[in-house]
């Protein structure tokens, strides 16, 4: 996991596949990794991932390993 980085002024991005509402996650590319937050609660918790952890998360999502059954 990435160290506690100051996220003031980072650019948060939503997927272009998002429905446009606040029902998705947002990501910010920070110096030493990626930060992820819930768009409905931007002042809430933030998950910080290293680049390697982010790549593993994306690979698992693409492979369907995170799908709810």
Protein backbone atom coordinates (compact mmCIF):
# COMPACT_ATOMS: atom_id res chain seq x y z
CA UNK A 1 0.00 0.00 0.00
CA UNK A 2 1.16 3.53 -0.75
CA UNK A 3 2.21 5.77 2.12
CA UNK A 4 -0.18 8.41 3.40
CA UNK A 5 0.20 11.04 0.67
CA UNK A 6 -1.30 14.54 0.79
CA UNK A 7 -4.11 14.47 -1.77
CA UNK A 8 -4.81 18.20 -1.77
CA UNK A 9 -5.08 19.45 -5.33
CA UNK A 10 -4.89 16.06 -7.08
CA UNK A 11 -7.04 15.57 -10.18
CA UNK A 12 -9.74 12.97 -9.57
CA UNK A 13 -11.03 11.14 -12.66
CA UNK A 14 -14.09 8.99 -13.36
CA UNK A 15 -14.33 6.33 -16.02
CA UNK A 16 -15.75 7.40 -19.36
CA UNK A 17 -18.10 4.42 -18.92
CA UNK A 18 -19.64 6.03 -15.84
CA UNK A 19 -23.32 6.86 -16.08
CA UNK A 20 -22.60 10.46 -15.15
CA UNK A 21 -24.06 10.23 -11.66
CA UNK A 22 -22.26 9.83 -8.39
CA UNK A 23 -22.42 6.04 -8.42
CA UNK A 24 -18.87 5.13 -9.25
CA UNK A 25 -15.32 5.34 -8.00
CA UNK A 26 -12.81 8.02 -8.86
CA UNK A 27 -9.07 7.58 -9.24
CA UNK A 28 -6.17 9.97 -8.90
CA UNK A 29 -2.68 9.23 -10.15
CA UNK A 30 -0.31 10.29 -7.41
CA UNK A 31 3.47 10.34 -7.41
CA UNK A 32 3.93 6.91 -5.89
CA UNK A 33 0.75 5.15 -6.98
CA UNK A 34 -3.00 5.47 -7.31
CA UNK A 35 -5.69 6.77 -4.95
CA UNK A 36 -9.29 5.49 -5.21
CA UNK A 37 -12.39 6.99 -3.58
CA UNK A 38 -16.19 6.72 -3.72
CA UNK A 39 -17.69 9.53 -5.81
CA UNK A 40 -20.74 9.67 -3.50
CA UNK A 41 -18.53 10.41 -0.51
CA UNK A 42 -15.43 12.30 -1.67
CA UNK A 43 -14.59 13.35 1.90
CA UNK A 44 -14.69 9.73 3.05
CA UNK A 45 -11.89 7.21 3.04
CA UNK A 46 -9.37 6.82 0.28
CA UNK A 47 -7.72 3.58 -0.80
CA UNK A 48 -4.10 4.11 -1.78
CA UNK A 49 -2.43 1.53 -4.02
CA UNK A 50 1.05 1.15 -5.43
CA UNK A 51 1.34 0.90 -9.20
CA UNK A 52 1.85 -2.85 -8.87
CA UNK A 53 -1.25 -3.23 -6.68
CA UNK A 54 -3.29 -1.11 -9.15
CA UNK A 55 -2.18 -3.33 -12.04
CA UNK A 56 -3.18 -6.45 -10.08
CA UNK A 57 -6.60 -4.95 -9.24
CA UNK A 58 -7.26 -4.07 -12.90
CA UNK A 59 -6.16 -7.53 -14.06
CA UNK A 60 -8.49 -9.20 -11.54
CA UNK A 61 -11.41 -6.98 -12.60
CA UNK A 62 -10.80 -7.65 -16.30
CA UNK A 63 -10.63 -11.41 -15.65
CA UNK A 64 -13.99 -11.31 -13.85
CA UNK A 65 -12.45 -12.35 -10.55
CA UNK A 66 -14.27 -9.56 -8.72
CA UNK A 67 -17.73 -10.14 -10.18
CA UNK A 68 -20.48 -10.80 -7.66
CA UNK A 69 -22.25 -14.08 -8.30
